[in-house]
Amino acid sequence: MTITEEMQSRLEAAFAPTRLEIADESEAHRGHAGYRDGGESHFSILMRAPALAGLGRVARHRAVHAALGLDLVGRIHALALDLDG
């Protein structure tokens, strides 16, 4: 299972999002810190989920990091989040 697939599975299970887009942006960071051949080092996530409604920005980010888990977050270099309820 790829990191992208793992993120999708964990986020869907935790938040039942109405919209979820995960983009592997690793190639745009070739030659920069954290880049790995084969990608899966730099990601952006756009997610809309009612479960996030009413949470502030920091709380939403913490909830996503918790849902992804330390094991998964530790395998990536960068994660940009665009979250809303």
PDB file of N, CA and C in Angstrom:
ATOM      1  N   MET A   1       0.850  -1.170   0.000  1.00  0.00           N
ATOM      2  CA  MET A   1       0.000   0.000   0.000  1.00  0.00           C
ATOM      3  C   MET A   1       0.905   1.245   0.000  1.00  0.00           C
ATOM      4  N   THR A   2       0.590   2.200  -0.850  1.00  0.00           N
ATOM      5  CA  THR A   2       1.379   3.429  -0.911  1.00  0.00           C
ATOM      6  C   THR A   2       1.025   4.342   0.265  1.00  0.00           C
ATOM      7  N   ILE A   3       1.854   5.332   0.505  1.00  0.00           N
ATOM      8  CA  ILE A   3       1.577   6.302   1.561  1.00  0.00           C
ATOM      9  C   ILE A   3       0.280   7.053   1.238  1.00  0.00           C
ATOM     10  N   THR A   4       0.091   7.388  -0.017  1.00  0.00           N
ATOM     11  CA  THR A   4      -1.135   8.070  -0.433  1.00  0.00           C
ATOM     12  C   THR A   4      -2.357   7.228  -0.092  1.00  0.00           C
ATOM     13  N   GLU A   5      -2.309   5.944  -0.395  1.00  0.00           N
ATOM     14  CA  GLU A   5      -3.428   5.042  -0.093  1.00  0.00           C
ATOM     15  C   GLU A   5      -3.651   4.920   1.406  1.00  0.00           C
ATOM     16  N   GLU A   6      -2.567   4.859   2.177  1.00  0.00           N
ATOM     17  CA  GLU A   6      -2.692   4.780   3.632  1.00  0.00           C
ATOM     18  C   GLU A   6      -3.354   6.042   4.187  1.00  0.00           C
ATOM     19  N   MET A   7      -2.916   7.212   3.691  1.00  0.00           N
ATOM     20  CA  MET A   7      -3.514   8.460   4.151  1.00  0.00           C
ATOM     21  C   MET A   7      -4.998   8.500   3.815  1.00  0.00           C
ATOM     22  N   GLN A   8      -5.351   8.130   2.605  1.00  0.00           N
ATOM     23  CA  GLN A   8      -6.749   8.142   2.192  1.00  0.00           C
ATOM     24  C   GLN A   8      -7.583   7.223   3.085  1.00  0.00           C
ATOM     25  N   SER A   9      -7.104   6.023   3.323  1.00  0.00           N
ATOM     26  CA  SER A   9      -7.830   5.060   4.141  1.00  0.00           C
ATOM     27  C   SER A   9      -8.040   5.576   5.562  1.00  0.00           C
ATOM     28  N   ARG A  10      -6.993   6.102   6.154  1.00  0.00           N
ATOM     29  CA  ARG A  10      -7.088   6.572   7.541  1.00  0.00           C
ATOM     30  C   ARG A  10      -7.989   7.803   7.670  1.00  0.00           C
ATOM     31  N   LEU A  11      -7.882   8.723   6.712  1.00  0.00           N
ATOM     32  CA  LEU A  11      -8.707   9.933   6.774  1.00  0.00           C
ATOM     33  C   LEU A  11     -10.170   9.617   6.525  1.00  0.00           C
ATOM     34  N   GLU A  12     -10.448   8.725   5.594  1.00  0.00           N
ATOM     35  CA  GLU A  12     -11.848   8.335   5.344  1.00  0.00           C
ATOM     36  C   GLU A  12     -12.447   7.653   6.571  1.00  0.00           C
ATOM     37  N   ALA A  13     -11.672   6.791   7.218  1.00  0.00           N
ATOM     38  CA  ALA A  13     -12.167   6.097   8.406  1.00  0.00           C
ATOM     39  C   ALA A  13     -12.407   7.059   9.570  1.00  0.00           C
ATOM     40  N   ALA A  14     -11.545   8.035   9.727  1.00  0.00           N
ATOM     41  CA  ALA A  14     -11.645   8.938  10.871  1.00  0.00           C
ATOM     42  C   ALA A  14     -12.662  10.053  10.686  1.00  0.00           C
ATOM     43  N   PHE A  15     -12.840  10.547   9.454  1.00  0.00           N
ATOM     44  CA  PHE A  15     -13.639  11.751   9.245  1.00  0.00           C
ATOM     45  C   PHE A  15     -14.819  11.609   8.290  1.00  0.00           C
ATOM     46  N   ALA A  16     -14.923  10.537   7.535  1.00  0.00           N
ATOM     47  CA  ALA A  16     -15.977  10.388   6.529  1.00  0.00           C
ATOM     48  C   ALA A  16     -16.127  11.681   5.720  1.00  0.00           C
ATOM     49  N   PRO A  17     -15.049  12.119   5.079  1.00  0.00           N
ATOM     50  CA  PRO A  17     -15.087  13.418   4.389  1.00  0.00           C
ATOM     51  C   PRO A  17     -16.053  13.446   3.211  1.00  0.00           C
ATOM     52  N   THR A  18     -16.593  14.640   2.962  1.00  0.00           N
ATOM     53  CA  THR A  18     -17.427  14.847   1.783  1.00  0.00           C
ATOM     54  C   THR A  18     -16.548  15.138   0.570  1.00  0.00           C
ATOM     55  N   ARG A  19     -15.329  15.565   0.815  1.00  0.00           N
ATOM     56  CA  ARG A  19     -14.351  15.798  -0.251  1.00  0.00           C
ATOM     57  C   ARG A  19     -12.965  15.509   0.299  1.00  0.00           C
ATOM     58  N   LEU A  20     -12.185  14.757  -0.449  1.00  0.00           N
ATOM     59  CA  LEU A  20     -10.828  14.422  -0.039  1.00  0.00           C
ATOM     60  C   LEU A  20      -9.951  14.337  -1.275  1.00  0.00           C
ATOM     61  N   GLU A  21      -8.948  15.193  -1.321  1.00  0.00           N
ATOM     62  CA  GLU A  21      -7.979  15.184  -2.413  1.00  0.00           C
ATOM     63  C   GLU A  21      -6.589  15.141  -1.805  1.00  0.00           C
ATOM     64  N   ILE A  22      -5.826  14.145  -2.192  1.00  0.00           N
ATOM     65  CA  ILE A  22      -4.456  13.995  -1.709  1.00  0.00           C
ATOM     66  C   ILE A  22      -3.542  14.082  -2.920  1.00  0.00           C
ATOM     67  N   ALA A  23      -2.620  15.027  -2.889  1.00  0.00           N
ATOM     68  CA  ALA A  23      -1.706  15.213  -4.008  1.00  0.00           C
ATOM     69  C   ALA A  23      -0.278  14.950  -3.550  1.00  0.00           C
ATOM     70  N   ASP A  24       0.414  14.096  -4.285  1.00  0.00           N
ATOM     71  CA  ASP A  24       1.834  13.851  -4.050  1.00  0.00           C
ATOM     72  C   ASP A  24       2.592  14.921  -4.843  1.00  0.00           C
ATOM     73  N   GLU A  25       3.142  15.887  -4.146  1.00  0.00           N
ATOM     74  CA  GLU A  25       3.845  17.004  -4.774  1.00  0.00           C
ATOM     75  C   GLU A  25       5.355  16.836  -4.711  1.00  0.00           C
ATOM     76  N   SER A  26       5.799  15.622  -4.505  1.00  0.00           N
ATOM     77  CA  SER A  26       7.217  15.354  -4.302  1.00  0.00           C
ATOM     78  C   SER A  26       8.085  15.787  -5.473  1.00  0.00           C
ATOM     79  N   GLU A  27       7.632  15.549  -6.688  1.00  0.00           N
ATOM     80  CA  GLU A  27       8.453  15.850  -7.855  1.00  0.00           C
ATOM     81  C   GLU A  27       8.801  17.344  -7.932  1.00  0.00           C
ATOM     82  N   ALA A  28       7.918  18.187  -7.450  1.00  0.00           N
ATOM     83  CA  ALA A  28       8.177  19.625  -7.448  1.00  0.00           C
ATOM     84  C   ALA A  28       9.292  20.001  -6.471  1.00  0.00           C
ATOM     85  N   HIS A  29       9.682  19.060  -5.613  1.00  0.00           N
ATOM     86  CA  HIS A  29      10.711  19.315  -4.605  1.00  0.00           C
ATOM     87  C   HIS A  29      12.001  18.546  -4.879  1.00  0.00           C
ATOM     88  N   ARG A  30      12.145  18.032  -6.088  1.00  0.00           N
ATOM     89  CA  ARG A  30      13.374  17.310  -6.470  1.00  0.00           C
ATOM     90  C   ARG A  30      14.575  18.206  -6.186  1.00  0.00           C
ATOM     91  N   GLY A  31      15.555  17.643  -5.506  1.00  0.00           N
ATOM     92  CA  GLY A  31      16.762  18.384  -5.163  1.00  0.00           C
ATOM     93  C   GLY A  31      16.666  19.152  -3.855  1.00  0.00           C
ATOM     94  N   HIS A  32      15.498  19.183  -3.244  1.00  0.00           N
ATOM     95  CA  HIS A  32      15.326  19.876  -1.968  1.00  0.00           C
ATOM     96  C   HIS A  32      15.382  18.876  -0.823  1.00  0.00           C
ATOM     97  N   ALA A  33      15.451  19.414   0.366  1.00  0.00           N
ATOM     98  CA  ALA A  33      15.499  18.565   1.562  1.00  0.00           C
ATOM     99  C   ALA A  33      14.311  17.624   1.620  1.00  0.00           C
ATOM    100  N   GLY A  34      14.568  16.398   1.992  1.00  0.00           N
ATOM    101  CA  GLY A  34      13.512  15.427   2.197  1.00  0.00           C
ATOM    102  C   GLY A  34      13.041  14.708   0.955  1.00  0.00           C
ATOM    103  N   TYR A  35      13.482  15.133  -0.232  1.00  0.00           N
ATOM    104  CA  TYR A  35      13.040  14.476  -1.462  1.00  0.00           C
ATOM    105  C   TYR A  35      13.599  13.054  -1.518  1.00  0.00           C
ATOM    106  N   ARG A  36      12.765  12.120  -1.977  1.00  0.00           N
ATOM    107  CA  ARG A  36      13.187  10.729  -2.176  1.00  0.00           C
ATOM    108  C   ARG A  36      12.864  10.329  -3.602  1.00  0.00           C
ATOM    109  N   ASP A  37      13.746   9.564  -4.219  1.00  0.00           N
ATOM    110  CA  ASP A  37      13.434   8.994  -5.522  1.00  0.00           C
ATOM    111  C   ASP A  37      12.174   8.154  -5.368  1.00  0.00           C
ATOM    112  N   GLY A  38      11.283   8.276  -6.311  1.00  0.00           N
ATOM    113  CA  GLY A  38      10.021   7.552  -6.232  1.00  0.00           C
ATOM    114  C   GLY A  38       8.906   8.359  -5.594  1.00  0.00           C
ATOM    115  N   GLY A  39       9.229   9.526  -5.066  1.00  0.00           N
ATOM    116  CA  GLY A  39       8.203  10.400  -4.498  1.00  0.00           C
ATOM    117  C   GLY A  39       7.745   9.990  -3.125  1.00  0.00           C
ATOM    118  N   GLU A  40       6.503  10.362  -2.821  1.00  0.00           N
ATOM    119  CA  GLU A  40       5.873  10.104  -1.533  1.00  0.00           C
ATOM    120  C   GLU A  40       6.652  10.706  -0.358  1.00  0.00           C
ATOM    121  N   SER A  41       7.107  11.945  -0.559  1.00  0.00           N
ATOM    122  CA  SER A  41       7.775  12.662   0.524  1.00  0.00           C
ATOM    123  C   SER A  41       7.096  13.985   0.846  1.00  0.00           C
ATOM    124  N   HIS A  42       6.444  14.603  -0.135  1.00  0.00           N
ATOM    125  CA  HIS A  42       5.789  15.899   0.023  1.00  0.00           C
ATOM    126  C   HIS A  42       4.337  15.781  -0.450  1.00  0.00           C
ATOM    127  N   PHE A  43       3.403  16.124   0.421  1.00  0.00           N
ATOM    128  CA  PHE A  43       1.979  15.965   0.107  1.00  0.00           C
ATOM    129  C   PHE A  43       1.179  17.212   0.431  1.00  0.00           C
ATOM    130  N   SER A  44       0.065  17.348  -0.263  1.00  0.00           N
ATOM    131  CA  SER A  44      -0.947  18.328   0.137  1.00  0.00           C
ATOM    132  C   SER A  44      -2.277  17.585   0.221  1.00  0.00           C
ATOM    133  N   ILE A  45      -3.060  17.969   1.210  1.00  0.00           N
ATOM    134  CA  ILE A  45      -4.369  17.354   1.423  1.00  0.00           C
ATOM    135  C   ILE A  45      -5.418  18.461   1.477  1.00  0.00           C
ATOM    136  N   LEU A  46      -6.444  18.307   0.682  1.00  0.00           N
ATOM    137  CA  LEU A  46      -7.633  19.153   0.760  1.00  0.00           C
ATOM    138  C   LEU A  46      -8.744  18.249   1.263  1.00  0.00           C
ATOM    139  N   MET A  47      -9.347  18.628   2.386  1.00  0.00           N
ATOM    140  CA  MET A  47     -10.399  17.788   2.945  1.00  0.00           C
ATOM    141  C   MET A  47     -11.521  18.656   3.494  1.00  0.00           C
ATOM    142  N   ARG A  48     -12.741  18.247   3.188  1.00  0.00           N
ATOM    143  CA  ARG A  48     -13.939  18.844   3.753  1.00  0.00           C
ATOM    144  C   ARG A  48     -14.674  17.732   4.492  1.00  0.00           C
ATOM    145  N   ALA A  49     -14.921  17.953   5.777  1.00  0.00           N
ATOM    146  CA  ALA A  49     -15.553  16.917   6.589  1.00  0.00           C
ATOM    147  C   ALA A  49     -16.378  17.565   7.699  1.00  0.00           C
ATOM    148  N   PRO A  50     -17.638  17.183   7.820  1.00  0.00           N
ATOM    149  CA  PRO A  50     -18.466  17.724   8.901  1.00  0.00           C
ATOM    150  C   PRO A  50     -17.846  17.515  10.283  1.00  0.00           C
ATOM    151  N   ALA A  51     -17.062  16.474  10.447  1.00  0.00           N
ATOM    152  CA  ALA A  51     -16.428  16.193  11.736  1.00  0.00           C
ATOM    153  C   ALA A  51     -15.462  17.308  12.161  1.00  0.00           C
ATOM    154  N   LEU A  52     -15.036  18.126  11.206  1.00  0.00           N
ATOM    155  CA  LEU A  52     -14.104  19.211  11.517  1.00  0.00           C
ATOM    156  C   LEU A  52     -14.822  20.532  11.797  1.00  0.00           C
ATOM    157  N   ALA A  53     -16.123  20.558  11.571  1.00  0.00           N
ATOM    158  CA  ALA A  53     -16.897  21.788  11.773  1.00  0.00           C
ATOM    159  C   ALA A  53     -16.775  22.246  13.220  1.00  0.00           C
ATOM    160  N   GLY A  54     -16.601  23.528  13.394  1.00  0.00           N
ATOM    161  CA  GLY A  54     -16.530  24.090  14.736  1.00  0.00           C
ATOM    162  C   GLY A  54     -15.148  24.051  15.357  1.00  0.00           C
ATOM    163  N   LEU A  55     -14.206  23.361  14.720  1.00  0.00           N
ATOM    164  CA  LEU A  55     -12.842  23.313  15.237  1.00  0.00           C
ATOM    165  C   LEU A  55     -12.029  24.451  14.638  1.00  0.00           C
ATOM    166  N   GLY A  56     -11.143  25.005  15.423  1.00  0.00           N
ATOM    167  CA  GLY A  56     -10.220  26.015  14.922  1.00  0.00           C
ATOM    168  C   GLY A  56      -9.160  25.369  14.034  1.00  0.00           C
ATOM    169  N   ARG A  57      -8.387  26.203  13.361  1.00  0.00           N
ATOM    170  CA  ARG A  57      -7.377  25.711  12.426  1.00  0.00           C
ATOM    171  C   ARG A  57      -6.391  24.759  13.097  1.00  0.00           C
ATOM    172  N   VAL A  58      -5.866  25.133  14.240  1.00  0.00           N
ATOM    173  CA  VAL A  58      -4.882  24.288  14.921  1.00  0.00           C
ATOM    174  C   VAL A  58      -5.515  22.964  15.340  1.00  0.00           C
ATOM    175  N   ALA A  59      -6.732  22.998  15.855  1.00  0.00           N
ATOM    176  CA  ALA A  59      -7.421  21.773  16.269  1.00  0.00           C
ATOM    177  C   ALA A  59      -7.677  20.857  15.075  1.00  0.00           C
ATOM    178  N   ARG A  60      -8.043  21.428  13.921  1.00  0.00           N
ATOM    179  CA  ARG A  60      -8.243  20.614  12.715  1.00  0.00           C
ATOM    180  C   ARG A  60      -6.936  19.937  12.305  1.00  0.00           C
ATOM    181  N   HIS A  61      -5.841  20.686  12.314  1.00  0.00           N
ATOM    182  CA  HIS A  61      -4.547  20.118  11.942  1.00  0.00           C
ATOM    183  C   HIS A  61      -4.132  19.007  12.911  1.00  0.00           C
ATOM    184  N   ARG A  62      -4.340  19.239  14.184  1.00  0.00           N
ATOM    185  CA  ARG A  62      -4.001  18.212  15.187  1.00  0.00           C
ATOM    186  C   ARG A  62      -4.841  16.961  14.986  1.00  0.00           C
ATOM    187  N   ALA A  63      -6.122  17.135  14.674  1.00  0.00           N
ATOM    188  CA  ALA A  63      -7.000  15.981  14.457  1.00  0.00           C
ATOM    189  C   ALA A  63      -6.537  15.159  13.264  1.00  0.00           C
ATOM    190  N   VAL A  64      -6.137  15.824  12.197  1.00  0.00           N
ATOM    191  CA  VAL A  64      -5.654  15.101  11.007  1.00  0.00           C
ATOM    192  C   VAL A  64      -4.348  14.383  11.313  1.00  0.00           C
ATOM    193  N   HIS A  65      -3.430  15.047  11.983  1.00  0.00           N
ATOM    194  CA  HIS A  65      -2.173  14.387  12.337  1.00  0.00           C
ATOM    195  C   HIS A  65      -2.422  13.175  13.229  1.00  0.00           C
ATOM    196  N   ALA A  66      -3.343  13.288  14.173  1.00  0.00           N
ATOM    197  CA  ALA A  66      -3.667  12.163  15.051  1.00  0.00           C
ATOM    198  C   ALA A  66      -4.265  11.014  14.250  1.00  0.00           C
ATOM    199  N   ALA A  67      -5.160  11.331  13.304  1.00  0.00           N
ATOM    200  CA  ALA A  67      -5.786  10.284  12.490  1.00  0.00           C
ATOM    201  C   ALA A  67      -4.762   9.588  11.599  1.00  0.00           C
ATOM    202  N   LEU A  68      -3.808  10.335  11.082  1.00  0.00           N
ATOM    203  CA  LEU A  68      -2.778   9.732  10.231  1.00  0.00           C
ATOM    204  C   LEU A  68      -1.829   8.873  11.057  1.00  0.00           C
ATOM    205  N   GLY A  69      -1.553   9.294  12.276  1.00  0.00           N
ATOM    206  CA  GLY A  69      -0.693   8.521  13.170  1.00  0.00           C
ATOM    207  C   GLY A  69       0.775   8.875  13.012  1.00  0.00           C
ATOM    208  N   LEU A  70       1.499   8.761  14.102  1.00  0.00           N
ATOM    209  CA  LEU A  70       2.926   9.081  14.098  1.00  0.00           C
ATOM    210  C   LEU A  70       3.716   8.223  13.130  1.00  0.00           C
ATOM    211  N   ASP A  71       3.323   6.964  12.984  1.00  0.00           N
ATOM    212  CA  ASP A  71       4.051   6.062  12.089  1.00  0.00           C
ATOM    213  C   ASP A  71       4.007   6.554  10.651  1.00  0.00           C
ATOM    214  N   LEU A  72       2.856   7.057  10.221  1.00  0.00           N
ATOM    215  CA  LEU A  72       2.706   7.531   8.847  1.00  0.00           C
ATOM    216  C   LEU A  72       3.296   8.930   8.681  1.00  0.00           C
ATOM    217  N   VAL A  73       2.991   9.821   9.587  1.00  0.00           N
ATOM    218  CA  VAL A  73       3.514  11.188   9.505  1.00  0.00           C
ATOM    219  C   VAL A  73       5.044  11.167   9.539  1.00  0.00           C
ATOM    220  N   GLY A  74       5.617  10.243  10.277  1.00  0.00           N
ATOM    221  CA  GLY A  74       7.069  10.143  10.363  1.00  0.00           C
ATOM    222  C   GLY A  74       7.742   9.702   9.075  1.00  0.00           C
ATOM    223  N   ARG A  75       6.963   9.178   8.132  1.00  0.00           N
ATOM    224  CA  ARG A  75       7.541   8.721   6.862  1.00  0.00           C
ATOM    225  C   ARG A  75       7.482   9.770   5.755  1.00  0.00           C
ATOM    226  N   ILE A  76       6.893  10.915   6.050  1.00  0.00           N
ATOM    227  CA  ILE A  76       6.830  11.957   5.036  1.00  0.00           C
ATOM    228  C   ILE A  76       7.617  13.178   5.499  1.00  0.00           C
ATOM    229  N   HIS A  77       8.022  14.002   4.541  1.00  0.00           N
ATOM    230  CA  HIS A  77       8.830  15.176   4.866  1.00  0.00           C
ATOM    231  C   HIS A  77       7.976  16.430   5.046  1.00  0.00           C
ATOM    232  N   ALA A  78       6.949  16.595   4.202  1.00  0.00           N
ATOM    233  CA  ALA A  78       6.139  17.803   4.254  1.00  0.00           C
ATOM    234  C   ALA A  78       4.678  17.481   4.001  1.00  0.00           C
ATOM    235  N   LEU A  79       3.811  18.187   4.723  1.00  0.00           N
ATOM    236  CA  LEU A  79       2.376  17.974   4.596  1.00  0.00           C
ATOM    237  C   LEU A  79       1.666  19.312   4.680  1.00  0.00           C
ATOM    238  N   ALA A  80       1.039  19.725   3.580  1.00  0.00           N
ATOM    239  CA  ALA A  80       0.252  20.951   3.555  1.00  0.00           C
ATOM    240  C   ALA A  80      -1.220  20.571   3.681  1.00  0.00           C
ATOM    241  N   LEU A  81      -1.940  21.257   4.565  1.00  0.00           N
ATOM    242  CA  LEU A  81      -3.330  20.914   4.824  1.00  0.00           C
ATOM    243  C   LEU A  81      -4.261  22.086   4.526  1.00  0.00           C
ATOM    244  N   ASP A  82      -5.321  21.801   3.804  1.00  0.00           N
ATOM    245  CA  ASP A  82      -6.417  22.735   3.532  1.00  0.00           C
ATOM    246  C   ASP A  82      -7.670  22.042   4.038  1.00  0.00           C
ATOM    247  N   LEU A  83      -8.129  22.437   5.226  1.00  0.00           N
ATOM    248  CA  LEU A  83      -9.195  21.703   5.926  1.00  0.00           C
ATOM    249  C   LEU A  83     -10.365  22.619   6.248  1.00  0.00           C
ATOM    250  N   ASP A  84     -11.570  22.045   6.195  1.00  0.00           N
ATOM    251  CA  ASP A  84     -12.759  22.785   6.587  1.00  0.00           C
ATOM    252  C   ASP A  84     -13.863  21.797   6.930  1.00  0.00           C
ATOM    253  N   GLY A  85     -14.833  22.274   7.678  1.00  0.00           N
ATOM    254  CA  GLY A  85     -15.944  21.446   8.112  1.00  0.00           C
ATOM    255  C   GLY A  85     -17.024  21.307   7.087  1.00  0.00           C
TER     256      GLY A  85
END
